[in-house]
Amino acid sequence: MTRTIRLNRIDGVLSELEYPVEPSTVATECDDVTVRLADGEVNLGATVSSSTAVEFASVEELTEELMSLLPRRAVGEPFQSDGDA
């Protein structure tokens, strides 16, 4: 069954994994997860499989790597912030 989640809900999915975890394990365990971005969608497993990391020690570490692998427009327009006046 395919799951679709918003990017801001990614920690819930990643917290289901047992750490430390290798990118290949994340790719296999999360191949059914589609992440909705501000501009499109990505498959979580496929995205993490492109990582060059050896393993992830925590949800935070995996989340940080995932954010670096996402397209530039994943969270919205570049250089835009809700806090800007």
PDB file of N, CA and C in Angstrom:
ATOM      1  N   MET A   1       0.839  -1.179   0.000  1.00  0.00           N
ATOM      2  CA  MET A   1       0.000   0.000   0.000  1.00  0.00           C
ATOM      3  C   MET A   1       0.888   1.248   0.000  1.00  0.00           C
ATOM      4  N   THR A   2       0.633   2.150  -0.897  1.00  0.00           N
ATOM      5  CA  THR A   2       1.411   3.370  -1.004  1.00  0.00           C
ATOM      6  C   THR A   2       0.904   4.410  -0.007  1.00  0.00           C
ATOM      7  N   ARG A   3       1.854   5.075   0.654  1.00  0.00           N
ATOM      8  CA  ARG A   3       1.513   6.151   1.584  1.00  0.00           C
ATOM      9  C   ARG A   3       1.971   7.469   0.989  1.00  0.00           C
ATOM     10  N   THR A   4       1.159   8.491   1.109  1.00  0.00           N
ATOM     11  CA  THR A   4       1.536   9.831   0.684  1.00  0.00           C
ATOM     12  C   THR A   4       1.488  10.732   1.903  1.00  0.00           C
ATOM     13  N   ILE A   5       2.590  11.434   2.149  1.00  0.00           N
ATOM     14  CA  ILE A   5       2.685  12.316   3.301  1.00  0.00           C
ATOM     15  C   ILE A   5       3.236  13.672   2.880  1.00  0.00           C
ATOM     16  N   ARG A   6       2.987  14.669   3.689  1.00  0.00           N
ATOM     17  CA  ARG A   6       3.580  15.983   3.468  1.00  0.00           C
ATOM     18  C   ARG A   6       4.991  15.978   4.029  1.00  0.00           C
ATOM     19  N   LEU A   7       5.832  16.815   3.466  1.00  0.00           N
ATOM     20  CA  LEU A   7       7.218  16.895   3.909  1.00  0.00           C
ATOM     21  C   LEU A   7       7.325  17.218   5.396  1.00  0.00           C
ATOM     22  N   ASN A   8       6.445  18.063   5.905  1.00  0.00           N
ATOM     23  CA  ASN A   8       6.529  18.429   7.317  1.00  0.00           C
ATOM     24  C   ASN A   8       6.098  17.302   8.257  1.00  0.00           C
ATOM     25  N   ARG A   9       5.666  16.180   7.719  1.00  0.00           N
ATOM     26  CA  ARG A   9       5.283  14.998   8.516  1.00  0.00           C
ATOM     27  C   ARG A   9       6.296  13.862   8.380  1.00  0.00           C
ATOM     28  N   ILE A  10       7.432  14.132   7.775  1.00  0.00           N
ATOM     29  CA  ILE A  10       8.407  13.085   7.457  1.00  0.00           C
ATOM     30  C   ILE A  10       8.992  12.414   8.698  1.00  0.00           C
ATOM     31  N   ASP A  11       9.123  13.149   9.795  1.00  0.00           N
ATOM     32  CA  ASP A  11       9.701  12.567  11.012  1.00  0.00           C
ATOM     33  C   ASP A  11       8.886  11.383  11.525  1.00  0.00           C
ATOM     34  N   GLY A  12       7.586  11.410  11.334  1.00  0.00           N
ATOM     35  CA  GLY A  12       6.748  10.293  11.767  1.00  0.00           C
ATOM     36  C   GLY A  12       7.106   9.004  11.054  1.00  0.00           C
ATOM     37  N   VAL A  13       7.362   9.085   9.769  1.00  0.00           N
ATOM     38  CA  VAL A  13       7.746   7.905   8.985  1.00  0.00           C
ATOM     39  C   VAL A  13       9.156   7.462   9.348  1.00  0.00           C
ATOM     40  N   LEU A  14      10.069   8.424   9.442  1.00  0.00           N
ATOM     41  CA  LEU A  14      11.463   8.085   9.727  1.00  0.00           C
ATOM     42  C   LEU A  14      11.650   7.542  11.136  1.00  0.00           C
ATOM     43  N   SER A  15      10.794   7.928  12.057  1.00  0.00           N
ATOM     44  CA  SER A  15      10.917   7.431  13.435  1.00  0.00           C
ATOM     45  C   SER A  15      10.500   5.968  13.556  1.00  0.00           C
ATOM     46  N   GLU A  16       9.855   5.424  12.536  1.00  0.00           N
ATOM     47  CA  GLU A  16       9.465   4.010  12.538  1.00  0.00           C
ATOM     48  C   GLU A  16      10.655   3.083  12.262  1.00  0.00           C
ATOM     49  N   LEU A  17      11.745   3.649  11.763  1.00  0.00           N
ATOM     50  CA  LEU A  17      12.931   2.846  11.437  1.00  0.00           C
ATOM     51  C   LEU A  17      13.766   2.584  12.679  1.00  0.00           C
ATOM     52  N   GLU A  18      14.550   1.520  12.637  1.00  0.00           N
ATOM     53  CA  GLU A  18      15.458   1.184  13.734  1.00  0.00           C
ATOM     54  C   GLU A  18      16.844   1.739  13.409  1.00  0.00           C
ATOM     55  N   TYR A  19      17.384   2.540  14.323  1.00  0.00           N
ATOM     56  CA  TYR A  19      18.679   3.205  14.103  1.00  0.00           C
ATOM     57  C   TYR A  19      19.782   2.542  14.895  1.00  0.00           C
ATOM     58  N   PRO A  20      21.025   2.560  14.381  1.00  0.00           N
ATOM     59  CA  PRO A  20      21.453   3.124  13.099  1.00  0.00           C
ATOM     60  C   PRO A  20      20.885   2.331  11.928  1.00  0.00           C
ATOM     61  N   VAL A  21      20.756   3.033  10.786  1.00  0.00           N
ATOM     62  CA  VAL A  21      20.167   2.422   9.596  1.00  0.00           C
ATOM     63  C   VAL A  21      20.956   2.856   8.365  1.00  0.00           C
ATOM     64  N   GLU A  22      21.113   1.937   7.429  1.00  0.00           N
ATOM     65  CA  GLU A  22      21.829   2.209   6.186  1.00  0.00           C
ATOM     66  C   GLU A  22      20.864   2.776   5.147  1.00  0.00           C
ATOM     67  N   PRO A  23      21.368   3.590   4.215  1.00  0.00           N
ATOM     68  CA  PRO A  23      20.501   4.134   3.167  1.00  0.00           C
ATOM     69  C   PRO A  23      19.743   3.059   2.388  1.00  0.00           C
ATOM     70  N   SER A  24      20.391   1.924   2.126  1.00  0.00           N
ATOM     71  CA  SER A  24      19.718   0.859   1.372  1.00  0.00           C
ATOM     72  C   SER A  24      18.512   0.301   2.130  1.00  0.00           C
ATOM     73  N   THR A  25      18.619   0.243   3.456  1.00  0.00           N
ATOM     74  CA  THR A  25      17.492  -0.223   4.272  1.00  0.00           C
ATOM     75  C   THR A  25      16.356   0.787   4.233  1.00  0.00           C
ATOM     76  N   VAL A  26      16.698   2.064   4.341  1.00  0.00           N
ATOM     77  CA  VAL A  26      15.678   3.117   4.259  1.00  0.00           C
ATOM     78  C   VAL A  26      14.991   3.049   2.897  1.00  0.00           C
ATOM     79  N   ALA A  27      15.776   2.870   1.843  1.00  0.00           N
ATOM     80  CA  ALA A  27      15.220   2.793   0.493  1.00  0.00           C
ATOM     81  C   ALA A  27      14.212   1.655   0.374  1.00  0.00           C
ATOM     82  N   THR A  28      14.550   0.515   0.948  1.00  0.00           N
ATOM     83  CA  THR A  28      13.652  -0.647   0.895  1.00  0.00           C
ATOM     84  C   THR A  28      12.411  -0.440   1.755  1.00  0.00           C
ATOM     85  N   GLU A  29      12.619   0.025   2.990  1.00  0.00           N
ATOM     86  CA  GLU A  29      11.515   0.200   3.931  1.00  0.00           C
ATOM     87  C   GLU A  29      10.565   1.327   3.531  1.00  0.00           C
ATOM     88  N   CYS A  30      11.070   2.303   2.787  1.00  0.00           N
ATOM     89  CA  CYS A  30      10.273   3.485   2.449  1.00  0.00           C
ATOM     90  C   CYS A  30       9.966   3.601   0.963  1.00  0.00           C
ATOM     91  N   ASP A  31      10.076   2.490   0.233  1.00  0.00           N
ATOM     92  CA  ASP A  31       9.813   2.554  -1.202  1.00  0.00           C
ATOM     93  C   ASP A  31       8.345   2.775  -1.529  1.00  0.00           C
ATOM     94  N   ASP A  32       7.473   2.654  -0.539  1.00  0.00           N
ATOM     95  CA  ASP A  32       6.041   2.877  -0.735  1.00  0.00           C
ATOM     96  C   ASP A  32       5.588   4.249  -0.248  1.00  0.00           C
ATOM     97  N   VAL A  33       6.541   5.131   0.085  1.00  0.00           N
ATOM     98  CA  VAL A  33       6.194   6.447   0.642  1.00  0.00           C
ATOM     99  C   VAL A  33       6.456   7.533  -0.400  1.00  0.00           C
ATOM    100  N   THR A  34       5.406   8.271  -0.724  1.00  0.00           N
ATOM    101  CA  THR A  34       5.513   9.429  -1.602  1.00  0.00           C
ATOM    102  C   THR A  34       5.448  10.663  -0.716  1.00  0.00           C
ATOM    103  N   VAL A  35       6.397  11.572  -0.913  1.00  0.00           N
ATOM    104  CA  VAL A  35       6.448  12.799  -0.124  1.00  0.00           C
ATOM    105  C   VAL A  35       5.971  13.946  -1.000  1.00  0.00           C
ATOM    106  N   ARG A  36       4.921  14.637  -0.525  1.00  0.00           N
ATOM    107  CA  ARG A  36       4.422  15.813  -1.248  1.00  0.00           C
ATOM    108  C   ARG A  36       5.263  17.016  -0.863  1.00  0.00           C
ATOM    109  N   LEU A  37       5.782  17.674  -1.870  1.00  0.00           N
ATOM    110  CA  LEU A  37       6.612  18.851  -1.679  1.00  0.00           C
ATOM    111  C   LEU A  37       5.815  20.092  -2.087  1.00  0.00           C
ATOM    112  N   ALA A  38       6.381  21.261  -1.863  1.00  0.00           N
ATOM    113  CA  ALA A  38       5.735  22.495  -2.296  1.00  0.00           C
ATOM    114  C   ALA A  38       5.581  22.515  -3.813  1.00  0.00           C
ATOM    115  N   ASP A  39       6.499  21.872  -4.511  1.00  0.00           N
ATOM    116  CA  ASP A  39       6.488  21.858  -5.965  1.00  0.00           C
ATOM    117  C   ASP A  39       6.702  20.433  -6.471  1.00  0.00           C
ATOM    118  N   GLY A  40       5.704  19.570  -6.315  1.00  0.00           N
ATOM    119  CA  GLY A  40       5.793  18.212  -6.826  1.00  0.00           C
ATOM    120  C   GLY A  40       5.842  17.155  -5.747  1.00  0.00           C
ATOM    121  N   GLU A  41       6.331  15.983  -6.123  1.00  0.00           N
ATOM    122  CA  GLU A  41       6.413  14.829  -5.238  1.00  0.00           C
ATOM    123  C   GLU A  41       7.707  14.079  -5.507  1.00  0.00           C
ATOM    124  N   VAL A  42       8.165  13.336  -4.493  1.00  0.00           N
ATOM    125  CA  VAL A  42       9.302  12.430  -4.660  1.00  0.00           C
ATOM    126  C   VAL A  42       9.009  11.143  -3.918  1.00  0.00           C
ATOM    127  N   ASN A  43       9.640  10.071  -4.359  1.00  0.00           N
ATOM    128  CA  ASN A  43       9.566   8.809  -3.643  1.00  0.00           C
ATOM    129  C   ASN A  43      10.647   8.836  -2.572  1.00  0.00           C
ATOM    130  N   LEU A  44      10.270   8.609  -1.324  1.00  0.00           N
ATOM    131  CA  LEU A  44      11.217   8.688  -0.211  1.00  0.00           C
ATOM    132  C   LEU A  44      12.345   7.676  -0.354  1.00  0.00           C
ATOM    133  N   GLY A  45      12.016   6.437  -0.661  1.00  0.00           N
ATOM    134  CA  GLY A  45      13.035   5.402  -0.800  1.00  0.00           C
ATOM    135  C   GLY A  45      14.030   5.710  -1.901  1.00  0.00           C
ATOM    136  N   ALA A  46      13.533   6.136  -3.058  1.00  0.00           N
ATOM    137  CA  ALA A  46      14.413   6.462  -4.179  1.00  0.00           C
ATOM    138  C   ALA A  46      15.301   7.654  -3.864  1.00  0.00           C
ATOM    139  N   THR A  47      14.750   8.625  -3.161  1.00  0.00           N
ATOM    140  CA  THR A  47      15.532   9.812  -2.815  1.00  0.00           C
ATOM    141  C   THR A  47      16.665   9.461  -1.868  1.00  0.00           C
ATOM    142  N   VAL A  48      16.373   8.697  -0.830  1.00  0.00           N
ATOM    143  CA  VAL A  48      17.411   8.321   0.138  1.00  0.00           C
ATOM    144  C   VAL A  48      18.429   7.377  -0.484  1.00  0.00           C
ATOM    145  N   SER A  49      18.019   6.580  -1.457  1.00  0.00           N
ATOM    146  CA  SER A  49      18.966   5.650  -2.082  1.00  0.00           C
ATOM    147  C   SER A  49      20.090   6.381  -2.816  1.00  0.00           C
ATOM    148  N   SER A  50      19.900   7.645  -3.132  1.00  0.00           N
ATOM    149  CA  SER A  50      20.957   8.403  -3.807  1.00  0.00           C
ATOM    150  C   SER A  50      21.967   9.007  -2.827  1.00  0.00           C
ATOM    151  N   SER A  51      21.776   8.775  -1.549  1.00  0.00           N
ATOM    152  CA  SER A  51      22.695   9.284  -0.536  1.00  0.00           C
ATOM    153  C   SER A  51      24.030   8.543  -0.591  1.00  0.00           C
ATOM    154  N   THR A  52      25.088   9.265  -0.279  1.00  0.00           N
ATOM    155  CA  THR A  52      26.413   8.646  -0.216  1.00  0.00           C
ATOM    156  C   THR A  52      26.807   8.305   1.223  1.00  0.00           C
ATOM    157  N   ALA A  53      25.897   8.534   2.169  1.00  0.00           N
ATOM    158  CA  ALA A  53      26.169   8.225   3.578  1.00  0.00           C
ATOM    159  C   ALA A  53      26.305   6.716   3.764  1.00  0.00           C
ATOM    160  N   VAL A  54      27.071   6.323   4.755  1.00  0.00           N
ATOM    161  CA  VAL A  54      27.240   4.906   5.096  1.00  0.00           C
ATOM    162  C   VAL A  54      26.076   4.437   5.950  1.00  0.00           C
ATOM    163  N   GLU A  55      25.701   5.252   6.935  1.00  0.00           N
ATOM    164  CA  GLU A  55      24.545   4.955   7.776  1.00  0.00           C
ATOM    165  C   GLU A  55      24.076   6.230   8.442  1.00  0.00           C
ATOM    166  N   PHE A  56      22.866   6.170   9.007  1.00  0.00           N
ATOM    167  CA  PHE A  56      22.280   7.285   9.737  1.00  0.00           C
ATOM    168  C   PHE A  56      22.100   6.847  11.183  1.00  0.00           C
ATOM    169  N   ALA A  57      22.592   7.659  12.106  1.00  0.00           N
ATOM    170  CA  ALA A  57      22.541   7.305  13.520  1.00  0.00           C
ATOM    171  C   ALA A  57      21.219   7.687  14.179  1.00  0.00           C
ATOM    172  N   SER A  58      20.466   8.614  13.564  1.00  0.00           N
ATOM    173  CA  SER A  58      19.234   9.106  14.196  1.00  0.00           C
ATOM    174  C   SER A  58      18.273   9.645  13.152  1.00  0.00           C
ATOM    175  N   VAL A  59      17.037   9.883  13.590  1.00  0.00           N
ATOM    176  CA  VAL A  59      16.036  10.505  12.728  1.00  0.00           C
ATOM    177  C   VAL A  59      16.539  11.864  12.254  1.00  0.00           C
ATOM    178  N   GLU A  60      17.141  12.615  13.165  1.00  0.00           N
ATOM    179  CA  GLU A  60      17.618  13.957  12.832  1.00  0.00           C
ATOM    180  C   GLU A  60      18.681  13.910  11.734  1.00  0.00           C
ATOM    181  N   GLU A  61      19.592  12.963  11.845  1.00  0.00           N
ATOM    182  CA  GLU A  61      20.657  12.820  10.847  1.00  0.00           C
ATOM    183  C   GLU A  61      20.081  12.445   9.488  1.00  0.00           C
ATOM    184  N   LEU A  62      19.134  11.527   9.476  1.00  0.00           N
ATOM    185  CA  LEU A  62      18.495  11.116   8.231  1.00  0.00           C
ATOM    186  C   LEU A  62      17.682  12.263   7.639  1.00  0.00           C
ATOM    187  N   THR A  63      16.973  12.996   8.469  1.00  0.00           N
ATOM    188  CA  THR A  63      16.184  14.140   7.993  1.00  0.00           C
ATOM    189  C   THR A  63      17.082  15.194   7.362  1.00  0.00           C
ATOM    190  N   GLU A  64      18.200  15.474   7.992  1.00  0.00           N
ATOM    191  CA  GLU A  64      19.137  16.453   7.460  1.00  0.00           C
ATOM    192  C   GLU A  64      19.655  16.020   6.082  1.00  0.00           C
ATOM    193  N   GLU A  65      19.999  14.756   5.955  1.00  0.00           N
ATOM    194  CA  GLU A  65      20.480  14.243   4.672  1.00  0.00           C
ATOM    195  C   GLU A  65      19.371  14.303   3.626  1.00  0.00           C
ATOM    196  N   LEU A  66      18.169  13.918   4.006  1.00  0.00           N
ATOM    197  CA  LEU A  66      17.039  13.948   3.079  1.00  0.00           C
ATOM    198  C   LEU A  66      16.809  15.365   2.560  1.00  0.00           C
ATOM    199  N   MET A  67      16.835  16.339   3.437  1.00  0.00           N
ATOM    200  CA  MET A  67      16.618  17.729   3.019  1.00  0.00           C
ATOM    201  C   MET A  67      17.675  18.175   2.019  1.00  0.00           C
ATOM    202  N   SER A  68      18.899  17.675   2.175  1.00  0.00           N
ATOM    203  CA  SER A  68      19.961  18.053   1.241  1.00  0.00           C
ATOM    204  C   SER A  68      19.792  17.368  -0.117  1.00  0.00           C
ATOM    205  N   LEU A  69      19.038  16.280  -0.167  1.00  0.00           N
ATOM    206  CA  LEU A  69      18.834  15.534  -1.406  1.00  0.00           C
ATOM    207  C   LEU A  69      17.615  16.003  -2.200  1.00  0.00           C
ATOM    208  N   LEU A  70      16.744  16.766  -1.558  1.00  0.00           N
ATOM    209  CA  LEU A  70      15.523  17.216  -2.215  1.00  0.00           C
ATOM    210  C   LEU A  70      15.805  18.346  -3.200  1.00  0.00           C
ATOM    211  N   PRO A  71      14.925  18.503  -4.190  1.00  0.00           N
ATOM    212  CA  PRO A  71      15.086  19.612  -5.135  1.00  0.00           C
ATOM    213  C   PRO A  71      15.012  20.958  -4.412  1.00  0.00           C
ATOM    214  N   ARG A  72      15.615  21.967  -4.994  1.00  0.00           N
ATOM    215  CA  ARG A  72      15.692  23.288  -4.373  1.00  0.00           C
ATOM    216  C   ARG A  72      14.318  23.859  -4.024  1.00  0.00           C
ATOM    217  N   ARG A  73      13.331  23.618  -4.843  1.00  0.00           N
ATOM    218  CA  ARG A  73      11.998  24.177  -4.619  1.00  0.00           C
ATOM    219  C   ARG A  73      11.110  23.272  -3.739  1.00  0.00           C
ATOM    220  N   ALA A  74      11.681  22.316  -3.074  1.00  0.00           N
ATOM    221  CA  ALA A  74      10.907  21.352  -2.286  1.00  0.00           C
ATOM    222  C   ALA A  74      10.054  22.002  -1.205  1.00  0.00           C
ATOM    223  N   VAL A  75      10.566  23.037  -0.585  1.00  0.00           N
ATOM    224  CA  VAL A  75       9.832  23.662   0.522  1.00  0.00           C
ATOM    225  C   VAL A  75       9.231  24.998   0.139  1.00  0.00           C
ATOM    226  N   GLY A  76       9.279  25.380  -1.120  1.00  0.00           N
ATOM    227  CA  GLY A  76       8.683  26.631  -1.578  1.00  0.00           C
ATOM    228  C   GLY A  76       9.661  27.442  -2.402  1.00  0.00           C
ATOM    229  N   GLU A  77       9.292  28.677  -2.638  1.00  0.00           N
ATOM    230  CA  GLU A  77      10.125  29.571  -3.421  1.00  0.00           C
ATOM    231  C   GLU A  77      11.444  29.844  -2.711  1.00  0.00           C
ATOM    232  N   PRO A  78      12.556  29.797  -3.432  1.00  0.00           N
ATOM    233  CA  PRO A  78      13.855  30.105  -2.809  1.00  0.00           C
ATOM    234  C   PRO A  78      13.854  31.536  -2.266  1.00  0.00           C
ATOM    235  N   PHE A  79      14.485  31.708  -1.137  1.00  0.00           N
ATOM    236  CA  PHE A  79      14.657  32.999  -0.479  1.00  0.00           C
ATOM    237  C   PHE A  79      13.356  33.590   0.060  1.00  0.00           C
ATOM    238  N   GLN A  80      12.311  32.807   0.153  1.00  0.00           N
ATOM    239  CA  GLN A  80      11.049  33.279   0.709  1.00  0.00           C
ATOM    240  C   GLN A  80      10.912  32.765   2.125  1.00  0.00           C
ATOM    241  N   SER A  81      10.316  33.563   2.978  1.00  0.00           N
ATOM    242  CA  SER A  81      10.110  33.161   4.360  1.00  0.00           C
ATOM    243  C   SER A  81       8.799  33.738   4.857  1.00  0.00           C
ATOM    244  N   ASP A  82       8.065  32.972   5.650  1.00  0.00           N
ATOM    245  CA  ASP A  82       6.833  33.486   6.244  1.00  0.00           C
ATOM    246  C   ASP A  82       7.116  34.624   7.205  1.00  0.00           C
ATOM    247  N   GLY A  83       8.328  34.713   7.706  1.00  0.00           N
ATOM    248  CA  GLY A  83       8.671  35.737   8.672  1.00  0.00           C
ATOM    249  C   GLY A  83       9.101  37.051   8.046  1.00  0.00           C
ATOM    250  N   ASP A  84       9.301  37.067   6.731  1.00  0.00           N
ATOM    251  CA  ASP A  84       9.717  38.298   6.071  1.00  0.00           C
ATOM    252  C   ASP A  84       8.539  39.244   5.920  1.00  0.00           C
ATOM    253  N   ALA A  85       8.806  40.537   6.101  1.00  0.00           N
ATOM    254  CA  ALA A  85       7.742  41.534   5.954  1.00  0.00           C
ATOM    255  C   ALA A  85       7.702  42.075   4.546  1.00  0.00           C
TER     256      ALA A  85
END
